[in-house]
Protein backbone atom coordinates (compact mmCIF):
# COMPACT_ATOMS: atom_id res chain seq x y z
CA MET A 1 29.32 -53.19 101.33
CA LYS A 2 25.45 -52.45 100.55
CA THR A 3 24.35 -53.65 97.45
CA ASP A 4 21.30 -51.14 96.24
CA PRO A 5 18.47 -53.71 95.25
CA ILE A 6 16.92 -51.89 93.00
CA PHE A 7 20.51 -51.58 90.81
CA THR A 8 20.73 -55.10 91.12
CA SER A 9 17.08 -55.79 89.94
CA LYS A 10 18.13 -53.48 86.70
CA SER A 11 20.88 -55.03 85.72
CA VAL A 12 19.81 -58.56 86.16
CA ILE A 13 17.11 -57.63 83.82
CA ILE A 14 19.17 -55.47 81.29
CA SER A 15 21.02 -59.05 81.55
CA LEU A 16 18.17 -60.96 80.66
CA ILE A 17 17.25 -58.88 77.14
CA PHE A 18 20.84 -59.40 76.18
CA LEU A 19 21.02 -62.54 76.26
CA VAL A 20 17.09 -62.47 74.72
CA CYS A 21 18.45 -60.69 71.65
CA LEU A 22 21.42 -62.43 71.48
CA SER A 23 19.32 -65.25 71.42
CA CYS A 24 16.85 -64.13 69.08
CA ALA A 25 20.08 -62.65 66.39
CA LYS A 26 21.73 -66.95 66.47
CA ARG A 27 18.94 -67.41 65.71
CA ILE A 28 17.68 -65.02 62.51
CA ASP A 29 21.56 -66.39 61.19
CA LEU A 30 20.13 -69.61 61.21
CA CYS A 31 16.50 -68.81 59.58
CA HIS A 32 19.44 -67.63 56.98
CA GLU A 33 22.09 -69.74 57.09
CA TYR A 34 19.47 -72.69 56.98
CA ALA A 35 17.34 -71.16 53.85
CA GLY A 36 20.44 -70.19 51.70
CA GLU A 37 21.10 -73.82 52.19
CA LYS A 38 17.43 -74.73 51.19
CA GLU A 39 17.31 -76.68 54.53
CA TYR A 40 13.58 -74.95 54.84
CA ASP A 41 11.62 -76.66 57.80
CA LYS A 42 15.21 -75.93 59.58
CA ALA A 43 14.98 -72.14 58.06
CA LEU A 44 10.97 -72.22 59.34
CA SER A 45 11.82 -73.03 62.48
CA GLU A 46 14.23 -70.52 63.57
CA CYS A 47 11.78 -67.73 62.22
CA SER A 48 8.89 -68.24 63.57
CA SER A 49 10.95 -69.40 67.38
CA VAL A 50 12.05 -65.68 67.06
CA ILE A 51 8.38 -64.63 65.95
CA ASN A 52 6.94 -66.66 68.66
CA SER A 53 9.14 -64.92 70.87
CA GLY A 54 8.19 -62.01 69.91
CA ARG A 55 10.66 -60.52 68.68
CA GLY A 56 9.93 -60.32 65.07
CA THR A 57 10.66 -57.77 62.69
CA ALA A 58 10.13 -57.01 59.08
CA GLU A 59 12.91 -58.51 58.15
CA THR A 60 11.70 -61.85 59.98
CA TYR A 61 8.84 -61.76 59.02
CA ALA A 62 9.58 -61.02 55.28
CA ASP A 63 12.09 -64.09 55.19
CA ARG A 64 9.68 -66.07 56.82
CA GLY A 65 7.07 -65.32 54.24
CA VAL A 66 9.97 -65.95 51.76
CA ILE A 67 10.52 -69.15 52.97
CA TYR A 68 6.75 -69.93 52.98
CA ASN A 69 6.49 -69.06 49.03
CA VAL A 70 9.10 -71.14 48.24
CA ASN A 71 7.11 -74.25 49.74
CA GLY A 72 3.94 -73.27 47.82
CA LYS A 73 2.14 -72.06 51.07
CA TYR A 74 0.81 -68.80 49.40
CA ASP A 75 -1.49 -67.92 52.81
CA GLU A 76 0.99 -68.38 55.56
CA ALA A 77 3.25 -66.25 53.09
CA LEU A 78 0.34 -63.52 52.50
CA ALA A 79 -0.21 -63.20 55.95
CA ASP A 80 3.70 -62.56 56.92
CA PHE A 81 3.67 -60.47 54.11
CA ASN A 82 1.19 -58.38 55.41
CA LYS A 83 2.60 -58.54 58.73
CA ALA A 84 5.41 -56.80 57.29
CA VAL A 85 4.26 -54.24 55.40
CA GLU A 86 2.76 -53.41 58.58
CA LEU A 87 6.79 -53.00 60.15
CA LYS A 88 8.27 -52.24 56.97
CA PRO A 89 6.78 -51.10 54.31
CA ALA A 90 8.98 -51.49 51.35
CA GLU A 91 10.37 -54.56 50.66
CA ALA A 92 7.52 -56.09 51.75
CA TYR A 93 4.86 -54.70 49.84
CA SER A 94 7.23 -56.18 46.61
CA ASN A 95 7.17 -59.60 48.67
CA ARG A 96 3.31 -59.83 48.95
CA GLY A 97 2.83 -58.35 45.04
CA SER A 98 4.27 -61.47 44.23
CA ILE A 99 2.46 -63.18 45.89
CA TYR A 100 -0.41 -61.53 43.89
CA LEU A 101 1.29 -61.75 40.34
CA LYS A 102 1.38 -65.78 41.27
CA ARG A 103 -2.30 -66.04 42.12
CA LYS A 104 -2.79 -63.93 39.02
CA LYS A 105 -4.57 -60.83 40.84
CA TYR A 106 -2.50 -58.82 38.43
CA ALA A 107 -4.52 -55.50 40.19
CA MET A 108 -3.40 -55.97 43.20
CA ALA A 109 -0.04 -57.40 42.50
CA LEU A 110 0.36 -53.73 40.73
CA MET A 111 -1.44 -51.68 43.67
CA ASP A 112 1.34 -53.30 46.03
CA TYR A 113 4.76 -52.45 43.53
CA LYS A 114 3.42 -49.07 42.45
CA LYS A 115 3.32 -48.71 47.10
CA SER A 116 6.75 -49.93 47.03
CA ILE A 117 8.48 -47.74 44.41
CA GLU A 118 6.48 -45.20 46.16
CA ILE A 119 8.41 -45.61 48.75
CA ASN A 120 11.78 -45.88 47.65
CA PRO A 121 11.78 -44.77 43.89
CA ARG A 122 14.67 -46.83 43.25
CA TYR A 123 13.78 -50.25 44.23
CA ALA A 124 14.26 -51.71 41.13
CA ILE A 125 12.63 -55.21 41.65
CA ALA A 126 9.29 -53.49 41.99
CA TYR A 127 10.17 -52.35 38.70
CA TYR A 128 11.10 -55.56 37.26
CA ASN A 129 7.65 -57.04 38.87
CA ILE A 130 6.27 -54.39 37.25
CA ALA A 131 6.98 -55.76 33.62
CA CYS A 132 6.21 -59.17 34.78
CA VAL A 133 2.31 -58.66 35.78
CA TYR A 134 2.51 -56.72 32.06
CA SER A 135 3.98 -58.63 30.39
CA SER A 136 1.67 -61.95 32.33
CA MET A 137 -0.99 -59.05 30.84
CA ASN A 138 -0.11 -59.89 27.55
CA SER A 139 1.02 -55.99 27.62
CA SER A 140 4.02 -56.00 25.91
CA LYS A 141 4.94 -52.16 25.21
CA ASN A 142 4.26 -51.68 29.44
CA ALA A 143 6.30 -54.58 29.94
CA CYS A 144 9.35 -53.45 28.29
CA ASP A 145 9.00 -49.58 29.29
CA TRP A 146 9.18 -50.98 32.98
CA LEU A 147 12.16 -53.98 32.01
CA LYS A 148 14.01 -51.20 30.38
CA LYS A 149 13.43 -48.71 34.19
CA ALA A 150 14.41 -52.00 36.28
CA VAL A 151 17.81 -52.70 33.88
CA ASP A 152 18.29 -48.55 34.17
CA LEU A 153 18.23 -48.48 37.96
CA GLY A 154 20.93 -51.64 37.98
CA PHE A 155 18.51 -54.89 37.80
CA ASN A 156 21.07 -56.54 36.00
CA GLN A 157 20.61 -60.63 36.37
CA ARG A 158 20.33 -60.76 33.05
CA ASP A 159 19.74 -64.95 33.77
CA HIS A 160 17.20 -64.83 35.76
CA ILE A 161 15.34 -62.98 32.63
CA ARG A 162 16.35 -64.30 30.26
CA LYS A 163 14.64 -67.58 32.26
CA ASP A 164 11.79 -65.64 33.79
CA PRO A 165 8.82 -67.78 32.02
CA GLU A 166 7.09 -64.69 33.73
CA LEU A 167 8.75 -62.63 30.52
CA ASP A 168 7.42 -65.36 27.89
CA ASN A 169 5.03 -62.82 26.67
CA ILE A 170 7.68 -59.80 25.64
CA ARG A 171 10.41 -62.03 24.83
CA HIS A 172 10.23 -62.12 20.97
CA LYS A 173 9.94 -58.40 21.43
CA ALA A 174 11.68 -56.21 19.47
CA CYS A 175 12.11 -54.27 22.89
CA TYR A 176 12.81 -56.84 24.84
CA LYS A 177 15.70 -57.61 22.65
CA LYS A 178 16.63 -54.51 22.75
CA ILE A 179 17.16 -54.27 26.10
CA MET A 180 18.43 -57.43 26.69
CA ARG A 181 21.37 -56.22 23.90
CA GLY A 182 22.23 -53.33 26.40
């Protein structure tokens, strides 16, 4: 029986692509696993390996951006979030907004969070982050309005809300207390 060389070549190529994808999936899993264990150097290595192979997705760039952010490498985080925005906007805009918030670039943070909501109107984290921006700007009414929207949409991390220093400016306000009583 004679084997068609074109069929054999296609089979080999498909097998190689499958192995490369499997390898990338394993590296992405390791990136998440190491990040969860706070082994950020290992997580960074795995995410970077996927990205450097040319197989980086919005999630991979966002994951690496989060790792950079946790380690205070804001320029690198911003670059990765920018790339993630190109690939998958809603979460990436919110992540990039968080970098702007940390840098006290409130107008840019608000633009990104609102863009995130425009893309996904039920993205509660973006509403919460807008509350943090307004609180940081000492705009209590706006901060409480956005915090209420976040909670109404399902942002139920009460411990986080109680401890988040970006909400310190509204913690003593009646509107904040009412939201927290639920």
